[in-house]
Amino acid sequence: MRVRVRFFASVRERLRRSEDEIELARGATVADLLRDLRRAHPALSEVAESLRFAVNQEYVDGDHCLADGDEVAVIPPVSGGA
């Protein structure tokens, strides 16, 4: 199955890309996707533990099962403000 992965904020800057299309085995989870992303983009390893994920605009945990055609947002922690 294929999923569209969108990278935001510092992750987008770190990877120098805003999105990617990833091929995964049927039944793959968000955790499986993260594992594959870390292999493909070692620069993610530094921030991987603090990333959040949204599938089709809904926040999910690592055990969430993905489906063909899902859109996965990779969201780093946000800081700042007063």
N, C-alpha and C. Protein backbone atom coordinates (compact mmCIF):
# COMPACT_ATOMS: atom_id res chain seq x y z
N MET A 1 0.84 -1.17 0.00
CA MET A 1 0.00 0.00 0.00
C MET A 1 0.89 1.24 0.00
N ARG A 2 0.33 2.35 -0.46
CA ARG A 2 1.07 3.60 -0.51
C ARG A 2 0.39 4.64 0.36
N VAL A 3 1.21 5.41 1.09
CA VAL A 3 0.70 6.52 1.89
C VAL A 3 1.47 7.78 1.50
N ARG A 4 0.79 8.89 1.61
CA ARG A 4 1.42 10.19 1.37
C ARG A 4 1.85 10.74 2.72
N VAL A 5 3.12 11.09 2.83
CA VAL A 5 3.67 11.60 4.08
C VAL A 5 4.02 13.07 3.89
N ARG A 6 3.46 13.92 4.74
CA ARG A 6 3.73 15.36 4.69
C ARG A 6 4.57 15.75 5.90
N PHE A 7 5.64 16.49 5.65
CA PHE A 7 6.56 16.92 6.69
C PHE A 7 6.32 18.40 6.99
N PHE A 8 6.29 18.74 8.28
CA PHE A 8 6.01 20.11 8.68
C PHE A 8 7.15 20.70 9.50
N ALA A 9 7.23 22.04 9.45
CA ALA A 9 8.10 22.86 10.28
C ALA A 9 9.56 22.37 10.25
N SER A 10 10.14 22.13 11.42
CA SER A 10 11.56 21.78 11.48
C SER A 10 11.88 20.44 10.81
N VAL A 11 10.90 19.54 10.75
CA VAL A 11 11.14 18.27 10.05
C VAL A 11 11.30 18.53 8.55
N ARG A 12 10.44 19.37 8.01
CA ARG A 12 10.54 19.73 6.59
C ARG A 12 11.91 20.37 6.31
N GLU A 13 12.35 21.25 7.19
CA GLU A 13 13.64 21.91 7.02
C GLU A 13 14.80 20.91 7.12
N ARG A 14 14.70 20.02 8.09
CA ARG A 14 15.75 19.01 8.32
C ARG A 14 15.89 18.08 7.12
N LEU A 15 14.77 17.69 6.53
CA LEU A 15 14.79 16.74 5.40
C LEU A 15 14.88 17.42 4.04
N ARG A 16 14.67 18.74 4.03
CA ARG A 16 14.69 19.51 2.78
C ARG A 16 13.66 19.00 1.78
N ARG A 17 12.50 18.65 2.31
CA ARG A 17 11.38 18.21 1.47
C ARG A 17 10.10 18.37 2.26
N SER A 18 9.01 18.60 1.56
CA SER A 18 7.74 18.81 2.24
C SER A 18 6.86 17.58 2.25
N GLU A 19 7.12 16.64 1.35
CA GLU A 19 6.32 15.41 1.35
C GLU A 19 7.04 14.29 0.63
N ASP A 20 6.48 13.11 0.81
CA ASP A 20 7.03 11.91 0.19
C ASP A 20 5.90 10.91 0.04
N GLU A 21 6.06 9.97 -0.84
CA GLU A 21 5.11 8.87 -0.96
C GLU A 21 5.86 7.60 -0.58
N ILE A 22 5.30 6.83 0.36
CA ILE A 22 6.00 5.68 0.92
C ILE A 22 5.18 4.42 0.65
N GLU A 23 5.88 3.38 0.26
CA GLU A 23 5.27 2.06 0.07
C GLU A 23 5.45 1.27 1.36
N LEU A 24 4.35 0.74 1.89
CA LEU A 24 4.38 -0.04 3.13
C LEU A 24 3.65 -1.36 2.93
N ALA A 25 3.97 -2.31 3.78
CA ALA A 25 3.27 -3.59 3.75
C ALA A 25 1.85 -3.40 4.27
N ARG A 26 0.93 -4.16 3.75
CA ARG A 26 -0.44 -4.12 4.24
C ARG A 26 -0.45 -4.41 5.75
N GLY A 27 -1.23 -3.63 6.50
CA GLY A 27 -1.30 -3.81 7.94
C GLY A 27 -0.25 -3.02 8.71
N ALA A 28 0.55 -2.20 8.00
CA ALA A 28 1.59 -1.42 8.67
C ALA A 28 0.96 -0.37 9.59
N THR A 29 1.70 -0.04 10.64
CA THR A 29 1.26 0.95 11.61
C THR A 29 2.08 2.23 11.45
N VAL A 30 1.68 3.25 12.17
CA VAL A 30 2.45 4.50 12.19
C VAL A 30 3.86 4.22 12.71
N ALA A 31 4.01 3.35 13.69
CA ALA A 31 5.34 2.99 14.20
C ALA A 31 6.19 2.35 13.10
N ASP A 32 5.59 1.52 12.27
CA ASP A 32 6.31 0.92 11.14
C ASP A 32 6.76 2.00 10.16
N LEU A 33 5.87 2.94 9.91
CA LEU A 33 6.21 4.05 9.02
C LEU A 33 7.39 4.84 9.59
N LEU A 34 7.35 5.14 10.87
CA LEU A 34 8.44 5.88 11.49
C LEU A 34 9.75 5.12 11.37
N ARG A 35 9.73 3.84 11.58
CA ARG A 35 10.94 3.02 11.44
C ARG A 35 11.50 3.16 10.02
N ASP A 36 10.64 3.07 9.02
CA ASP A 36 11.09 3.20 7.63
C ASP A 36 11.61 4.60 7.33
N LEU A 37 10.93 5.61 7.87
CA LEU A 37 11.39 6.98 7.67
C LEU A 37 12.75 7.22 8.30
N ARG A 38 12.99 6.65 9.48
CA ARG A 38 14.29 6.80 10.14
C ARG A 38 15.40 6.14 9.33
N ARG A 39 15.09 5.02 8.71
CA ARG A 39 16.09 4.35 7.86
C ARG A 39 16.40 5.21 6.64
N ALA A 40 15.35 5.75 6.02
CA ALA A 40 15.52 6.54 4.80
C ALA A 40 16.11 7.92 5.07
N HIS A 41 15.84 8.46 6.25
CA HIS A 41 16.27 9.81 6.60
C HIS A 41 16.90 9.79 8.00
N PRO A 42 18.17 9.41 8.10
CA PRO A 42 18.82 9.34 9.41
C PRO A 42 18.73 10.63 10.22
N ALA A 43 18.56 11.76 9.57
CA ALA A 43 18.45 13.04 10.28
C ALA A 43 17.22 13.07 11.20
N LEU A 44 16.26 12.20 10.97
CA LEU A 44 15.07 12.13 11.82
C LEU A 44 15.36 11.51 13.18
N SER A 45 16.42 10.74 13.28
CA SER A 45 16.70 10.03 14.52
C SER A 45 16.82 10.95 15.73
N GLU A 46 17.34 12.16 15.51
CA GLU A 46 17.52 13.10 16.62
C GLU A 46 16.19 13.57 17.22
N VAL A 47 15.13 13.59 16.42
CA VAL A 47 13.85 14.13 16.90
C VAL A 47 12.73 13.10 16.91
N ALA A 48 13.02 11.87 16.52
CA ALA A 48 11.98 10.86 16.31
C ALA A 48 11.10 10.64 17.54
N GLU A 49 11.67 10.67 18.72
CA GLU A 49 10.90 10.38 19.93
C GLU A 49 9.88 11.47 20.26
N SER A 50 10.08 12.67 19.74
CA SER A 50 9.17 13.76 20.07
C SER A 50 8.18 14.09 18.95
N LEU A 51 8.19 13.32 17.87
CA LEU A 51 7.28 13.59 16.76
C LEU A 51 5.86 13.17 17.08
N ARG A 52 4.91 13.87 16.52
CA ARG A 52 3.49 13.50 16.58
C ARG A 52 3.04 13.18 15.17
N PHE A 53 1.98 12.39 15.07
CA PHE A 53 1.48 11.99 13.76
C PHE A 53 -0.02 12.21 13.69
N ALA A 54 -0.46 12.65 12.52
CA ALA A 54 -1.89 12.77 12.24
C ALA A 54 -2.14 12.00 10.95
N VAL A 55 -3.17 11.18 10.96
CA VAL A 55 -3.56 10.44 9.77
C VAL A 55 -4.91 10.99 9.32
N ASN A 56 -4.92 11.47 8.09
CA ASN A 56 -6.13 12.08 7.54
C ASN A 56 -6.68 13.15 8.48
N GLN A 57 -5.77 13.96 9.01
CA GLN A 57 -6.05 15.12 9.86
C GLN A 57 -6.58 14.78 11.25
N GLU A 58 -6.32 13.55 11.72
CA GLU A 58 -6.68 13.14 13.08
C GLU A 58 -5.41 12.64 13.78
N TYR A 59 -5.11 13.18 14.96
CA TYR A 59 -3.94 12.71 15.70
C TYR A 59 -4.11 11.24 16.08
N VAL A 60 -3.01 10.48 15.94
CA VAL A 60 -3.04 9.05 16.22
C VAL A 60 -1.79 8.65 16.99
N ASP A 61 -1.84 7.46 17.58
CA ASP A 61 -0.69 6.87 18.26
C ASP A 61 0.07 5.95 17.29
N GLY A 62 1.21 5.48 17.76
CA GLY A 62 2.06 4.63 16.93
C GLY A 62 1.44 3.32 16.51
N ASP A 63 0.46 2.84 17.27
CA ASP A 63 -0.14 1.55 16.94
C ASP A 63 -1.31 1.67 15.94
N HIS A 64 -1.56 2.87 15.46
CA HIS A 64 -2.63 3.08 14.48
C HIS A 64 -2.29 2.39 13.17
N CYS A 65 -3.21 1.57 12.66
CA CYS A 65 -3.01 0.88 11.38
C CYS A 65 -3.30 1.82 10.23
N LEU A 66 -2.41 1.83 9.27
CA LEU A 66 -2.56 2.67 8.09
C LEU A 66 -3.29 1.93 6.98
N ALA A 67 -3.89 2.71 6.08
CA ALA A 67 -4.60 2.14 4.94
C ALA A 67 -4.06 2.78 3.66
N ASP A 68 -4.23 2.08 2.56
CA ASP A 68 -3.79 2.59 1.28
C ASP A 68 -4.41 3.96 1.02
N GLY A 69 -3.58 4.91 0.62
CA GLY A 69 -4.07 6.25 0.31
C GLY A 69 -4.13 7.21 1.48
N ASP A 70 -3.80 6.76 2.68
CA ASP A 70 -3.81 7.66 3.84
C ASP A 70 -2.81 8.80 3.64
N GLU A 71 -3.13 9.93 4.25
CA GLU A 71 -2.21 11.05 4.32
C GLU A 71 -1.72 11.14 5.76
N VAL A 72 -0.41 11.06 5.94
CA VAL A 72 0.19 11.08 7.27
C VAL A 72 1.00 12.36 7.44
N ALA A 73 0.65 13.16 8.43
CA ALA A 73 1.41 14.37 8.75
C ALA A 73 2.40 14.05 9.84
N VAL A 74 3.65 14.45 9.62
CA VAL A 74 4.71 14.28 10.61
C VAL A 74 4.95 15.66 11.23
N ILE A 75 4.63 15.76 12.53
CA ILE A 75 4.60 17.07 13.18
C ILE A 75 5.61 17.09 14.34
N PRO A 76 6.57 18.01 14.27
CA PRO A 76 7.54 18.12 15.37
C PRO A 76 6.92 18.89 16.53
N PRO A 77 7.58 18.84 17.68
CA PRO A 77 7.08 19.65 18.81
C PRO A 77 7.17 21.14 18.47
N VAL A 78 6.26 21.88 18.99
CA VAL A 78 6.23 23.33 18.72
C VAL A 78 6.62 24.04 20.00
N SER A 79 7.46 25.04 19.86
CA SER A 79 7.84 25.84 21.03
C SER A 79 7.76 27.31 20.67
N GLY A 80 7.85 28.13 21.66
CA GLY A 80 7.83 29.55 21.41
C GLY A 80 6.65 30.20 22.11
N GLY A 81 6.43 31.45 21.82
CA GLY A 81 5.35 32.19 22.45
C GLY A 81 5.87 32.89 23.69
N ALA A 82 4.96 33.58 24.33
CA ALA A 82 5.35 34.33 25.53
C ALA A 82 4.69 33.77 26.75
